[in-house]
């Protein structure tokens, strides 16, 4: 039996040691998209990886996975490799395999309607026009999961798709590391203390742009603790 359990850990078989927290960063795979605005979720996931050392990396369920622990909590970081518009395929497979309840799922992604330099957390909600989030909602059959939105600002007189698939501007790059660091802190606070505490802390913060995220007065119920079970379409 012991040998079987060890084998399961090596080959990524379903865990048997309690509930798992799943943090998913959205983006597009490949060097072409590596530093683009649409890959803000990947950037945060990469920094979270660095903050949770001693884990195990593998490729499975059409995603790059990293399994680690934060104290007594088992954490799975995921970067879907399906291209943005099909992200839900990977997320739903991972969530089912690890039996992740919806209140232990955090989705991290770029947001046009949040100013660059600001981040915002939500306990649930619509996709807001984000194709990756729409795919996750579709494949999980629920919008009831937490989100961390990394602001990229909506462009003036520029088409949306080329904008999100372009690298951050030079002036934005000067502040980008701070934005990613604050996003990591927000994700870790969600992991350790829950969505309400994380919202109250980070939705009040002043972004690098100087704009205040002022959604902190909203009262939100925590999500229910259950979960329903390409081609380069990258926008």
Protein backbone atom coordinates (compact mmCIF):
# COMPACT_ATOMS: atom_id res chain seq x y z
CA UNK A 1 0.00 0.00 0.00
CA UNK A 2 2.80 2.44 0.90
CA UNK A 3 4.48 1.83 -2.44
CA UNK A 4 1.18 2.46 -4.21
CA UNK A 5 0.72 5.81 -2.44
CA UNK A 6 4.26 6.83 -3.37
CA UNK A 7 3.59 5.91 -6.99
CA UNK A 8 0.40 7.96 -6.99
CA UNK A 9 2.32 11.02 -5.82
CA UNK A 10 4.95 10.55 -8.54
CA UNK A 11 2.48 10.14 -11.40
CA UNK A 12 0.11 12.89 -10.27
CA UNK A 13 -2.77 10.66 -9.25
CA UNK A 14 -5.66 12.16 -7.34
CA UNK A 15 -4.69 13.27 -3.81
CA UNK A 16 -6.10 11.61 -0.74
CA UNK A 17 -4.80 14.03 1.89
CA UNK A 18 -7.57 16.56 2.33
CA UNK A 19 -8.86 19.57 0.45
CA UNK A 20 -6.79 21.30 -2.19
CA UNK A 21 -6.63 24.99 -3.05
CA UNK A 22 -6.40 25.71 -6.78
CA UNK A 23 -4.92 28.98 -8.07
CA UNK A 24 -5.11 29.44 -11.84
CA UNK A 25 -3.29 32.12 -13.81
CA UNK A 26 -4.73 32.72 -17.27
CA UNK A 27 -2.65 33.47 -20.35
CA UNK A 28 -1.45 32.19 -23.71
CA UNK A 29 1.45 29.70 -24.05
CA UNK A 30 4.61 30.37 -26.02
CA UNK A 31 7.30 33.06 -26.16
CA UNK A 32 5.23 35.17 -28.56
CA UNK A 33 2.82 36.03 -25.73
CA UNK A 34 5.21 35.81 -22.78
CA UNK A 35 5.25 39.48 -21.67
CA UNK A 36 1.94 40.62 -23.13
CA UNK A 37 -0.87 42.24 -21.14
CA UNK A 38 -3.09 39.19 -21.64
CA UNK A 39 -0.51 37.08 -19.79
CA UNK A 40 -0.70 39.00 -16.51
CA UNK A 41 -2.24 35.91 -14.90
CA UNK A 42 0.74 33.77 -15.95
CA UNK A 43 3.12 36.38 -14.52
CA UNK A 44 1.41 36.28 -11.12
CA UNK A 45 1.37 32.46 -11.15
CA UNK A 46 5.11 32.41 -11.86
CA UNK A 47 5.82 34.65 -8.87
CA UNK A 48 3.55 32.56 -6.65
CA UNK A 49 5.61 29.54 -7.69
CA UNK A 50 8.70 31.31 -6.38
CA UNK A 51 6.93 32.13 -3.08
CA UNK A 52 5.89 28.52 -2.48
CA UNK A 53 9.16 26.58 -2.75
CA UNK A 54 9.73 22.86 -2.42
CA UNK A 55 6.88 21.73 -4.62
CA UNK A 56 6.58 19.45 -7.64
CA UNK A 57 6.10 20.56 -11.25
CA UNK A 58 4.41 18.55 -13.98
CA UNK A 59 2.44 18.94 -17.19
CA UNK A 60 -1.02 17.41 -17.08
CA UNK A 61 -4.64 18.23 -17.98
CA UNK A 62 -3.43 20.55 -20.77
CA UNK A 63 -1.75 22.75 -18.17
CA UNK A 64 1.51 23.39 -16.38
CA UNK A 65 0.95 22.39 -12.75
CA UNK A 66 2.93 23.09 -9.61
CA UNK A 67 1.94 21.34 -6.38
CA UNK A 68 3.21 22.77 -3.10
CA UNK A 69 2.14 23.40 0.49
CA UNK A 70 1.46 26.58 2.40
CA UNK A 71 1.54 25.49 6.01
CA UNK A 72 -1.03 22.71 6.29
CA UNK A 73 -2.72 23.60 3.00
CA UNK A 74 -2.12 21.78 -0.26
CA UNK A 75 -1.86 24.25 -3.15
CA UNK A 76 -1.98 23.60 -6.89
CA UNK A 77 -0.87 26.41 -9.21
CA UNK A 78 -2.02 26.01 -12.80
CA UNK A 79 -1.23 27.70 -16.10
CA UNK A 80 -3.56 26.34 -18.81
CA UNK A 81 -1.78 25.68 -22.11
CA UNK A 82 -4.95 25.60 -24.24
CA UNK A 83 -4.77 29.25 -25.32
CA UNK A 84 -6.92 31.77 -23.52
CA UNK A 85 -10.30 31.11 -25.11
CA UNK A 86 -10.28 27.42 -24.13
CA UNK A 87 -8.92 27.84 -20.60
CA UNK A 88 -12.01 26.27 -19.05
CA UNK A 89 -11.18 22.87 -20.54
CA UNK A 90 -8.01 22.63 -18.46
CA UNK A 91 -9.46 24.29 -15.36
CA UNK A 92 -12.47 21.96 -15.21
CA UNK A 93 -10.28 18.86 -15.61
CA UNK A 94 -7.93 20.00 -12.83
CA UNK A 95 -10.78 21.00 -10.49
CA UNK A 96 -12.52 17.64 -10.93
CA UNK A 97 -9.32 15.62 -10.45
CA UNK A 98 -8.32 17.38 -7.25
CA UNK A 99 -11.95 17.67 -6.06
CA UNK A 100 -11.57 21.41 -5.53
CA UNK A 101 -14.61 23.09 -3.91
CA UNK A 102 -15.53 26.35 -5.58
CA UNK A 103 -14.59 28.44 -2.53
CA UNK A 104 -11.02 27.12 -2.87
CA UNK A 105 -10.56 28.19 -6.49
CA UNK A 106 -8.94 31.52 -7.41
CA UNK A 107 -8.71 32.68 -11.03
CA UNK A 108 -6.12 35.38 -11.87
CA UNK A 109 -6.32 37.35 -15.11
CA UNK A 110 -5.90 40.72 -16.83
CA UNK A 111 -8.77 43.22 -16.70
CA UNK A 112 -9.35 46.06 -19.16
CA UNK A 113 -11.84 47.82 -16.90
CA UNK A 114 -9.41 48.12 -13.96
CA UNK A 115 -6.74 50.85 -14.25
CA UNK A 116 -3.18 49.72 -14.74
CA UNK A 117 -1.47 49.65 -11.35
CA UNK A 118 -4.63 48.53 -9.53
CA UNK A 119 -5.89 45.07 -8.63
CA UNK A 120 -9.35 43.97 -7.58
CA UNK A 121 -10.70 40.81 -6.02
CA UNK A 122 -14.24 39.50 -6.40
CA UNK A 123 -15.96 36.53 -4.80
CA UNK A 124 -17.93 35.71 -7.98
CA UNK A 125 -19.62 37.39 -10.95
CA UNK A 126 -19.86 37.47 -14.71
CA UNK A 127 -17.01 37.15 -17.20
CA UNK A 128 -17.15 40.87 -17.98
CA UNK A 129 -16.28 40.19 -21.62
CA UNK A 130 -13.10 38.23 -20.83
CA UNK A 131 -13.04 35.16 -23.09
CA UNK A 132 -10.84 33.10 -20.78
CA UNK A 133 -13.18 33.67 -17.84
CA UNK A 134 -16.20 32.90 -20.04
CA UNK A 135 -14.62 29.55 -20.90
CA UNK A 136 -13.99 28.73 -17.23
CA UNK A 137 -17.59 29.61 -16.28
CA UNK A 138 -18.89 27.48 -19.15
CA UNK A 139 -16.84 24.39 -18.30
CA UNK A 140 -17.35 24.61 -14.53
CA UNK A 141 -21.03 25.40 -15.09
CA UNK A 142 -20.87 28.11 -12.43
CA UNK A 143 -19.67 31.72 -11.96
CA UNK A 144 -19.25 31.15 -8.22
CA UNK A 145 -15.48 31.26 -7.75
CA UNK A 146 -13.07 33.97 -6.63
CA UNK A 147 -11.20 36.17 -9.09
CA UNK A 148 -8.14 38.39 -8.84
CA UNK A 149 -8.19 40.95 -11.65
CA UNK A 150 -4.94 42.64 -12.62
CA UNK A 151 -5.64 46.02 -14.18
CA UNK A 152 -4.29 46.74 -17.67
CA UNK A 153 -6.53 49.77 -18.49
CA UNK A 154 -8.77 50.08 -21.52
CA UNK A 155 -6.98 51.69 -24.50
CA UNK A 156 -8.11 54.83 -26.31
CA UNK A 157 -8.68 54.52 -30.06
CA UNK A 158 -6.95 51.12 -30.23
CA UNK A 159 -8.61 47.79 -31.04
CA UNK A 160 -8.85 45.57 -27.98
CA UNK A 161 -7.31 42.36 -29.36
CA UNK A 162 -4.02 43.87 -30.61
CA UNK A 163 -3.78 45.84 -27.37
CA UNK A 164 -4.10 42.89 -25.00
CA UNK A 165 -1.77 40.78 -27.15
CA UNK A 166 0.92 43.48 -27.07
CA UNK A 167 3.68 43.87 -24.47
CA UNK A 168 3.28 46.38 -21.66
CA UNK A 169 4.48 49.89 -22.55
CA UNK A 170 7.89 51.04 -21.32
CA UNK A 171 6.40 53.28 -18.62
CA UNK A 172 4.18 50.43 -17.45
CA UNK A 173 7.14 48.07 -17.24
CA UNK A 174 8.71 50.37 -14.65
CA UNK A 175 5.78 49.60 -12.31
CA UNK A 176 4.90 46.08 -13.44
CA UNK A 177 7.01 44.24 -10.86
CA UNK A 178 5.23 46.09 -8.05
CA UNK A 179 1.82 45.25 -9.53
CA UNK A 180 2.74 41.57 -9.77
CA UNK A 181 4.12 41.57 -6.22
CA UNK A 182 0.91 43.08 -4.84
CA UNK A 183 -1.12 40.54 -6.81
CA UNK A 184 0.92 37.74 -5.24
CA UNK A 185 0.28 39.17 -1.76
CA UNK A 186 -3.44 39.34 -2.53
CA UNK A 187 -3.50 35.72 -3.70
CA UNK A 188 -1.64 34.54 -0.61
CA UNK A 189 -4.02 36.46 1.67
CA UNK A 190 -6.97 34.79 -0.11
CA UNK A 191 -5.28 31.43 0.45
CA UNK A 192 -4.63 32.03 4.14
CA UNK A 193 -7.60 34.16 5.28
CA UNK A 194 -10.29 33.93 2.59
CA UNK A 195 -11.85 36.17 -0.05
CA UNK A 196 -13.55 38.68 2.25
CA UNK A 197 -10.35 39.50 4.16
CA UNK A 198 -8.40 39.73 0.90
CA UNK A 199 -10.99 42.04 -0.66
CA UNK A 200 -11.08 44.32 2.37
CA UNK A 201 -7.29 44.62 2.32
CA UNK A 202 -6.43 44.82 -1.36
CA UNK A 203 -9.48 46.50 -2.90
CA UNK A 204 -8.59 49.51 -0.72
CA UNK A 205 -5.00 49.71 -1.89
CA UNK A 206 -3.69 52.59 -3.97
CA UNK A 207 -2.41 51.32 -7.31
CA UNK A 208 0.85 52.37 -8.92
CA UNK A 209 -1.14 54.70 -11.18
CA UNK A 210 -2.33 56.65 -8.12
CA UNK A 211 -5.94 55.56 -8.54
CA UNK A 212 -7.68 54.03 -5.55
CA UNK A 213 -9.60 50.78 -5.88
CA UNK A 214 -12.81 51.81 -4.14
CA UNK A 215 -14.92 48.64 -4.16
CA UNK A 216 -14.14 47.84 -0.54
CA UNK A 217 -17.51 48.90 0.78
CA UNK A 218 -19.35 46.08 -0.95
CA UNK A 219 -20.52 43.20 1.22
CA UNK A 220 -20.17 39.85 -0.53
CA UNK A 221 -21.18 36.41 0.63
CA UNK A 222 -18.54 33.71 0.37
CA UNK A 223 -19.10 31.20 -2.47
CA UNK A 224 -20.70 27.86 -1.64
CA UNK A 225 -18.25 25.07 -0.91
CA UNK A 226 -19.14 22.82 -3.84
CA UNK A 227 -18.11 22.73 -7.47
CA UNK A 228 -19.91 21.54 -10.57
CA UNK A 229 -18.46 19.25 -12.17
CA UNK A 230 -6.72 24.39 -30.23
CA UNK A 231 -6.08 26.18 -32.32
CA UNK A 232 -4.48 29.58 -31.62
CA UNK A 233 -7.67 31.32 -30.51
CA UNK A 234 -5.74 33.56 -28.22
CA UNK A 235 -7.83 36.68 -27.62
